Amino acid sequence: MEIQYMNINDIDFTLTYEGYIWMSNEKCPQVFHPESQVSSNLFTKKNPFVVEGYLFNKQTGISLSIKYIDGEYHVYQNIVKKTDLDSQNVDTVYYLTQRMNIPSKEWTKFLRYWEKKTDSACLGMTVLEVEKEVFIGFK
């Protein structure tokens, strides 16, 4: 599975997403649960700006990771395939959300992808290392 770096303007805002967007002037992120549309206008302002976001579209498998670093957006897109959910090189991890402004506690759901690598610190044996974690919504 390949990570694709993209421009903020390349996001398909016609799709609905599950996830969150955290604005620079807010104590809590905007939560999109269940799936809903995200406005592209959130990304056109200088202030306030989107600090981070994780968005997932279930129909297409598009998972977006958005970070604002040193004055520019870094957007990474992953396409999650149905076969990824059953792969022996992928496991599911959950993280309890602490600052979501919602009535009950939510768990974010990520797929953790492992890859085999030769490790000289392990006498050249093959070890599993985390390649990436990809947001796939809420539990």
N, C-alpha and C. Protein backbone atom coordinates (compact mmCIF):
# COMPACT_ATOMS: atom_id res chain seq x y z
N MET A 1 0.85 -1.18 0.00
CA MET A 1 0.00 0.00 0.00
C MET A 1 0.88 1.23 0.00
N GLU A 2 0.56 2.16 -0.83
CA GLU A 2 1.40 3.32 -1.03
C GLU A 2 0.76 4.58 -0.45
N ILE A 3 1.57 5.39 0.21
CA ILE A 3 1.12 6.67 0.73
C ILE A 3 1.30 7.71 -0.37
N GLN A 4 0.27 8.51 -0.59
CA GLN A 4 0.34 9.54 -1.62
C GLN A 4 0.31 10.91 -0.96
N TYR A 5 1.36 11.70 -1.21
CA TYR A 5 1.37 13.08 -0.73
C TYR A 5 0.58 13.91 -1.73
N MET A 6 -0.28 14.78 -1.24
CA MET A 6 -1.12 15.57 -2.14
C MET A 6 -1.28 16.99 -1.63
N ASN A 7 -1.77 17.84 -2.49
CA ASN A 7 -2.06 19.23 -2.19
C ASN A 7 -3.44 19.33 -1.56
N ILE A 8 -3.66 20.32 -0.72
CA ILE A 8 -4.96 20.50 -0.06
C ILE A 8 -6.07 20.68 -1.09
N ASN A 9 -5.75 21.26 -2.25
CA ASN A 9 -6.75 21.47 -3.31
C ASN A 9 -7.13 20.18 -4.02
N ASP A 10 -6.38 19.11 -3.80
CA ASP A 10 -6.67 17.83 -4.44
C ASP A 10 -7.67 16.98 -3.66
N ILE A 11 -8.06 17.44 -2.47
CA ILE A 11 -9.05 16.71 -1.67
C ILE A 11 -10.41 16.81 -2.37
N ASP A 12 -11.11 15.70 -2.46
CA ASP A 12 -12.44 15.69 -3.07
C ASP A 12 -13.47 16.06 -2.00
N PHE A 13 -13.86 17.33 -1.98
CA PHE A 13 -14.80 17.83 -0.98
C PHE A 13 -16.25 17.51 -1.33
N THR A 14 -16.47 16.82 -2.45
CA THR A 14 -17.84 16.38 -2.78
C THR A 14 -18.18 15.09 -2.04
N LEU A 15 -17.16 14.38 -1.53
CA LEU A 15 -17.38 13.16 -0.77
C LEU A 15 -17.76 13.48 0.67
N THR A 16 -18.39 12.51 1.33
CA THR A 16 -18.65 12.65 2.77
C THR A 16 -17.55 11.92 3.53
N TYR A 17 -17.20 12.45 4.69
CA TYR A 17 -16.11 11.89 5.48
C TYR A 17 -16.54 11.70 6.92
N GLU A 18 -15.95 10.71 7.55
CA GLU A 18 -16.03 10.52 8.99
C GLU A 18 -14.67 10.92 9.53
N GLY A 19 -14.64 11.61 10.66
CA GLY A 19 -13.36 12.00 11.22
C GLY A 19 -13.46 13.32 11.96
N TYR A 20 -12.35 14.07 11.95
CA TYR A 20 -12.37 15.35 12.63
C TYR A 20 -11.40 16.34 11.99
N ILE A 21 -11.69 17.62 12.21
CA ILE A 21 -10.84 18.74 11.80
C ILE A 21 -10.65 19.61 13.03
N TRP A 22 -9.40 19.92 13.36
CA TRP A 22 -9.11 20.74 14.53
C TRP A 22 -8.61 22.10 14.08
N MET A 23 -9.38 23.13 14.41
CA MET A 23 -9.03 24.51 14.04
C MET A 23 -8.08 25.11 15.08
N SER A 24 -7.26 26.05 14.64
CA SER A 24 -6.23 26.65 15.50
C SER A 24 -6.80 27.45 16.66
N ASN A 25 -8.03 27.92 16.53
CA ASN A 25 -8.61 28.75 17.59
C ASN A 25 -9.62 28.01 18.46
N GLU A 26 -9.66 26.68 18.36
CA GLU A 26 -10.64 25.89 19.09
C GLU A 26 -9.97 24.97 20.12
N LYS A 27 -10.67 24.72 21.23
CA LYS A 27 -10.18 23.78 22.24
C LYS A 27 -10.53 22.35 21.90
N CYS A 28 -11.55 22.17 21.06
CA CYS A 28 -12.00 20.84 20.64
C CYS A 28 -12.14 20.81 19.13
N PRO A 29 -11.93 19.66 18.53
CA PRO A 29 -12.07 19.56 17.07
C PRO A 29 -13.54 19.48 16.64
N GLN A 30 -13.77 19.79 15.36
CA GLN A 30 -15.08 19.56 14.74
C GLN A 30 -15.12 18.08 14.38
N VAL A 31 -16.16 17.39 14.84
CA VAL A 31 -16.27 15.95 14.61
C VAL A 31 -17.30 15.71 13.51
N PHE A 32 -16.96 14.86 12.57
CA PHE A 32 -17.85 14.46 11.49
C PHE A 32 -18.19 12.99 11.71
N HIS A 33 -19.26 12.76 12.52
CA HIS A 33 -19.66 11.41 12.88
C HIS A 33 -21.14 11.43 13.15
N PRO A 34 -21.97 10.90 12.29
CA PRO A 34 -21.66 10.09 11.12
C PRO A 34 -21.08 10.92 10.00
N GLU A 35 -20.78 10.25 8.90
CA GLU A 35 -20.16 10.92 7.76
C GLU A 35 -20.95 12.16 7.34
N SER A 36 -20.22 13.20 6.99
CA SER A 36 -20.85 14.41 6.46
C SER A 36 -19.84 15.13 5.59
N GLN A 37 -20.30 16.16 4.91
CA GLN A 37 -19.41 16.90 4.03
C GLN A 37 -18.56 17.88 4.83
N VAL A 38 -17.34 18.05 4.35
CA VAL A 38 -16.38 18.98 4.96
C VAL A 38 -16.25 20.15 3.99
N SER A 39 -16.33 21.36 4.51
CA SER A 39 -16.24 22.54 3.66
C SER A 39 -14.79 22.84 3.29
N SER A 40 -14.55 23.07 2.01
CA SER A 40 -13.21 23.44 1.55
C SER A 40 -12.81 24.82 2.06
N ASN A 41 -13.79 25.62 2.48
CA ASN A 41 -13.51 26.98 2.99
C ASN A 41 -12.66 26.94 4.27
N LEU A 42 -12.70 25.83 5.00
CA LEU A 42 -11.89 25.71 6.22
C LEU A 42 -10.40 25.83 5.92
N PHE A 43 -10.01 25.51 4.68
CA PHE A 43 -8.59 25.45 4.32
C PHE A 43 -8.12 26.69 3.55
N THR A 44 -9.00 27.67 3.36
CA THR A 44 -8.63 28.85 2.57
C THR A 44 -8.25 30.05 3.44
N LYS A 45 -8.51 29.97 4.73
CA LYS A 45 -8.25 31.10 5.63
C LYS A 45 -6.83 31.06 6.17
N LYS A 46 -6.25 32.23 6.37
CA LYS A 46 -4.95 32.32 7.04
C LYS A 46 -5.11 32.10 8.54
N ASN A 47 -6.17 32.67 9.11
CA ASN A 47 -6.48 32.52 10.52
C ASN A 47 -7.98 32.54 10.73
N PRO A 48 -8.56 31.67 11.47
CA PRO A 48 -7.95 30.46 12.01
C PRO A 48 -7.69 29.46 10.88
N PHE A 49 -6.79 28.52 11.14
CA PHE A 49 -6.45 27.52 10.13
C PHE A 49 -6.63 26.12 10.73
N VAL A 50 -6.65 25.13 9.88
CA VAL A 50 -6.77 23.74 10.32
C VAL A 50 -5.40 23.28 10.81
N VAL A 51 -5.31 22.90 12.07
CA VAL A 51 -4.05 22.42 12.64
C VAL A 51 -3.82 20.97 12.24
N GLU A 52 -4.87 20.15 12.39
CA GLU A 52 -4.76 18.75 11.99
C GLU A 52 -6.14 18.21 11.69
N GLY A 53 -6.15 17.13 10.94
CA GLY A 53 -7.40 16.46 10.64
C GLY A 53 -7.16 15.04 10.18
N TYR A 54 -8.12 14.20 10.48
CA TYR A 54 -8.15 12.84 9.97
C TYR A 54 -9.54 12.61 9.40
N LEU A 55 -9.61 12.21 8.13
CA LEU A 55 -10.88 12.01 7.46
C LEU A 55 -10.86 10.67 6.74
N PHE A 56 -12.03 10.00 6.72
CA PHE A 56 -12.13 8.71 6.05
C PHE A 56 -13.46 8.60 5.33
N ASN A 57 -13.42 8.19 4.05
CA ASN A 57 -14.61 7.93 3.28
C ASN A 57 -14.73 6.42 3.10
N LYS A 58 -15.79 5.85 3.65
CA LYS A 58 -15.96 4.39 3.64
C LYS A 58 -16.19 3.83 2.24
N GLN A 59 -16.91 4.55 1.40
CA GLN A 59 -17.24 4.03 0.08
C GLN A 59 -16.00 3.88 -0.81
N THR A 60 -15.11 4.84 -0.78
CA THR A 60 -13.93 4.81 -1.65
C THR A 60 -12.70 4.26 -0.95
N GLY A 61 -12.74 4.21 0.39
CA GLY A 61 -11.57 3.76 1.16
C GLY A 61 -10.51 4.84 1.30
N ILE A 62 -10.84 6.08 0.95
CA ILE A 62 -9.87 7.18 1.04
C ILE A 62 -9.71 7.60 2.50
N SER A 63 -8.47 7.57 2.97
CA SER A 63 -8.13 8.04 4.30
C SER A 63 -7.16 9.20 4.15
N LEU A 64 -7.49 10.33 4.79
CA LEU A 64 -6.66 11.53 4.69
C LEU A 64 -6.10 11.89 6.05
N SER A 65 -4.82 12.22 6.06
CA SER A 65 -4.16 12.75 7.25
C SER A 65 -3.70 14.15 6.88
N ILE A 66 -4.13 15.14 7.65
CA ILE A 66 -3.84 16.55 7.34
C ILE A 66 -3.12 17.18 8.52
N LYS A 67 -1.98 17.77 8.27
CA LYS A 67 -1.20 18.48 9.31
C LYS A 67 -0.78 19.83 8.74
N TYR A 68 -0.82 20.85 9.59
CA TYR A 68 -0.35 22.18 9.21
C TYR A 68 1.00 22.39 9.87
N ILE A 69 2.07 22.42 9.07
CA ILE A 69 3.42 22.51 9.60
C ILE A 69 4.17 23.65 8.91
N ASP A 70 4.72 24.55 9.70
CA ASP A 70 5.53 25.65 9.18
C ASP A 70 4.84 26.41 8.05
N GLY A 71 3.55 26.71 8.23
CA GLY A 71 2.83 27.55 7.28
C GLY A 71 2.30 26.86 6.05
N GLU A 72 2.35 25.53 6.00
CA GLU A 72 1.78 24.85 4.84
C GLU A 72 1.13 23.53 5.25
N TYR A 73 0.15 23.13 4.45
CA TYR A 73 -0.56 21.89 4.71
C TYR A 73 0.21 20.70 4.15
N HIS A 74 0.26 19.64 4.95
CA HIS A 74 0.83 18.37 4.52
C HIS A 74 -0.33 17.38 4.54
N VAL A 75 -0.71 16.91 3.37
CA VAL A 75 -1.85 16.00 3.24
C VAL A 75 -1.35 14.68 2.69
N TYR A 76 -1.69 13.60 3.38
CA TYR A 76 -1.32 12.26 2.95
C TYR A 76 -2.58 11.45 2.74
N GLN A 77 -2.67 10.84 1.58
CA GLN A 77 -3.83 10.02 1.24
C GLN A 77 -3.43 8.56 1.15
N ASN A 78 -4.22 7.72 1.76
CA ASN A 78 -4.07 6.27 1.65
C ASN A 78 -5.38 5.71 1.15
N ILE A 79 -5.32 4.71 0.30
CA ILE A 79 -6.51 4.00 -0.14
C ILE A 79 -6.54 2.68 0.62
N VAL A 80 -7.55 2.52 1.46
CA VAL A 80 -7.71 1.30 2.24
C VAL A 80 -8.56 0.34 1.43
N LYS A 81 -8.02 -0.85 1.20
CA LYS A 81 -8.74 -1.89 0.47
C LYS A 81 -9.42 -2.82 1.46
N LYS A 82 -10.50 -3.43 1.05
CA LYS A 82 -11.21 -4.38 1.92
C LYS A 82 -10.30 -5.52 2.35
N THR A 83 -9.37 -5.90 1.49
CA THR A 83 -8.45 -6.99 1.83
C THR A 83 -7.48 -6.59 2.94
N ASP A 84 -7.26 -5.28 3.14
CA ASP A 84 -6.39 -4.82 4.21
C ASP A 84 -6.94 -5.21 5.58
N LEU A 85 -8.26 -5.28 5.69
CA LEU A 85 -8.89 -5.59 6.98
C LEU A 85 -8.63 -7.03 7.41
N ASP A 86 -8.34 -7.92 6.45
CA ASP A 86 -8.10 -9.32 6.77
C ASP A 86 -6.64 -9.73 6.58
N SER A 87 -5.78 -8.79 6.26
CA SER A 87 -4.38 -9.10 5.99
C SER A 87 -3.66 -9.44 7.29
N GLN A 88 -2.75 -10.41 7.21
CA GLN A 88 -1.97 -10.76 8.40
C GLN A 88 -0.89 -9.73 8.70
N ASN A 89 -0.63 -8.81 7.76
CA ASN A 89 0.35 -7.74 7.98
C ASN A 89 -0.29 -6.44 8.45
N VAL A 90 -1.58 -6.51 8.79
CA VAL A 90 -2.31 -5.32 9.24
C VAL A 90 -3.10 -5.68 10.49
N ASP A 91 -3.02 -4.83 11.51
CA ASP A 91 -3.89 -5.02 12.66
C ASP A 91 -4.62 -3.72 12.95
N THR A 92 -5.66 -3.82 13.76
CA THR A 92 -6.50 -2.67 14.09
C THR A 92 -6.16 -2.19 15.48
N VAL A 93 -5.98 -0.87 15.63
CA VAL A 93 -5.73 -0.28 16.94
C VAL A 93 -6.75 0.82 17.20
N TYR A 94 -7.09 0.99 18.46
CA TYR A 94 -8.08 1.98 18.87
C TYR A 94 -7.44 2.92 19.87
N TYR A 95 -7.75 4.21 19.74
CA TYR A 95 -7.26 5.20 20.69
C TYR A 95 -8.46 5.96 21.26
N LEU A 96 -8.51 6.06 22.58
CA LEU A 96 -9.60 6.78 23.24
C LEU A 96 -9.40 8.27 23.03
N THR A 97 -10.42 8.95 22.55
CA THR A 97 -10.34 10.39 22.34
C THR A 97 -10.55 11.09 23.67
N GLN A 98 -9.83 12.17 23.88
CA GLN A 98 -9.93 12.89 25.14
C GLN A 98 -10.60 14.25 25.00
N ARG A 99 -10.43 14.90 23.88
CA ARG A 99 -10.90 16.28 23.75
C ARG A 99 -12.02 16.48 22.75
N MET A 100 -12.62 15.40 22.29
CA MET A 100 -13.72 15.53 21.35
C MET A 100 -14.93 16.12 22.07
N ASN A 101 -15.57 17.08 21.46
CA ASN A 101 -16.72 17.75 22.06
C ASN A 101 -17.99 16.98 21.67
N ILE A 102 -18.12 15.79 22.22
CA ILE A 102 -19.26 14.92 21.95
C ILE A 102 -19.75 14.34 23.27
N PRO A 103 -21.02 13.92 23.33
CA PRO A 103 -21.60 13.49 24.60
C PRO A 103 -20.92 12.27 25.23
N SER A 104 -20.52 11.29 24.43
CA SER A 104 -19.88 10.10 24.99
C SER A 104 -18.47 9.98 24.46
N LYS A 105 -17.65 9.21 25.15
CA LYS A 105 -16.27 9.00 24.70
C LYS A 105 -16.27 8.23 23.39
N GLU A 106 -15.42 8.62 22.49
CA GLU A 106 -15.28 7.94 21.20
C GLU A 106 -13.90 7.31 21.13
N TRP A 107 -13.81 6.27 20.35
CA TRP A 107 -12.53 5.62 20.07
C TRP A 107 -12.23 5.83 18.60
N THR A 108 -11.05 6.37 18.30
CA THR A 108 -10.63 6.45 16.90
C THR A 108 -10.10 5.08 16.51
N LYS A 109 -10.27 4.76 15.24
CA LYS A 109 -9.89 3.44 14.75
C LYS A 109 -8.85 3.61 13.64
N PHE A 110 -7.73 2.93 13.80
CA PHE A 110 -6.64 2.99 12.83
C PHE A 110 -6.25 1.58 12.40
N LEU A 111 -5.79 1.47 11.17
CA LEU A 111 -5.15 0.24 10.71
C LEU A 111 -3.65 0.46 10.83
N ARG A 112 -2.96 -0.50 11.43
CA ARG A 112 -1.51 -0.43 11.56
C ARG A 112 -0.91 -1.44 10.58
N TYR A 113 -0.10 -0.93 9.66
CA TYR A 113 0.52 -1.75 8.63
C TYR A 113 1.95 -2.10 9.05
N TRP A 114 2.28 -3.38 8.97
CA TRP A 114 3.60 -3.88 9.32
C TRP A 114 4.33 -4.30 8.06
N GLU A 115 5.65 -4.12 8.05
CA GLU A 115 6.44 -4.60 6.93
C GLU A 115 7.69 -5.31 7.46
N LYS A 116 8.12 -6.30 6.69
CA LYS A 116 9.30 -7.07 7.07
C LYS A 116 10.55 -6.33 6.60
N LYS A 117 11.53 -6.23 7.51
CA LYS A 117 12.80 -5.59 7.19
C LYS A 117 13.93 -6.38 7.84
N THR A 118 15.06 -6.36 7.19
CA THR A 118 16.25 -6.96 7.77
C THR A 118 16.85 -5.96 8.74
N ASP A 119 17.18 -6.43 9.94
CA ASP A 119 17.68 -5.54 10.99
C ASP A 119 19.08 -5.99 11.41
N SER A 120 20.07 -5.13 11.16
CA SER A 120 21.45 -5.47 11.53
C SER A 120 21.64 -5.58 13.04
N ALA A 121 20.80 -4.89 13.82
CA ALA A 121 20.88 -4.98 15.28
C ALA A 121 20.35 -6.32 15.79
N CYS A 122 19.69 -7.07 14.92
CA CYS A 122 19.16 -8.39 15.28
C CYS A 122 19.87 -9.48 14.47
N LEU A 123 21.17 -9.30 14.28
CA LEU A 123 22.01 -10.26 13.58
C LEU A 123 21.52 -10.54 12.16
N GLY A 124 20.97 -9.51 11.54
CA GLY A 124 20.53 -9.64 10.15
C GLY A 124 19.23 -10.39 9.97
N MET A 125 18.54 -10.69 11.06
CA MET A 125 17.27 -11.40 10.96
C MET A 125 16.18 -10.44 10.48
N THR A 126 15.11 -11.03 9.96
CA THR A 126 13.96 -10.24 9.52
C THR A 126 13.09 -9.91 10.72
N VAL A 127 12.70 -8.65 10.82
CA VAL A 127 11.82 -8.20 11.90
C VAL A 127 10.64 -7.46 11.28
N LEU A 128 9.58 -7.32 12.05
CA LEU A 128 8.43 -6.54 11.61
C LEU A 128 8.55 -5.13 12.19
N GLU A 129 8.35 -4.13 11.34
CA GLU A 129 8.34 -2.73 11.76
C GLU A 129 7.05 -2.09 11.29
N VAL A 130 6.56 -1.14 12.07
CA VAL A 130 5.36 -0.42 11.67
C VAL A 130 5.70 0.47 10.48
N GLU A 131 4.96 0.27 9.41
CA GLU A 131 5.14 1.09 8.21
C GLU A 131 4.33 2.38 8.34
N LYS A 132 3.07 2.25 8.81
CA LYS A 132 2.20 3.41 8.95
C LYS A 132 0.94 3.03 9.72
N GLU A 133 0.24 4.05 10.22
CA GLU A 133 -1.08 3.89 10.81
C GLU A 133 -2.04 4.76 10.01
N VAL A 134 -3.18 4.19 9.63
CA VAL A 134 -4.13 4.85 8.75
C VAL A 134 -5.49 4.94 9.44
N PHE A 135 -6.02 6.15 9.54
CA PHE A 135 -7.32 6.41 10.18
C PHE A 135 -8.45 5.81 9.34
N ILE A 136 -9.36 5.07 10.02
CA ILE A 136 -10.51 4.51 9.30
C ILE A 136 -11.83 4.78 10.04
N GLY A 137 -11.88 5.84 10.81
CA GLY A 137 -13.14 6.24 11.43
C GLY A 137 -13.16 6.06 12.94
N PHE A 138 -14.39 5.94 13.45
CA PHE A 138 -14.61 5.80 14.88
C PHE A 138 -15.23 4.44 15.18
N LYS A 139 -14.96 3.95 16.38
CA LYS A 139 -15.55 2.67 16.84
C LYS A 139 -16.87 2.99 17.49
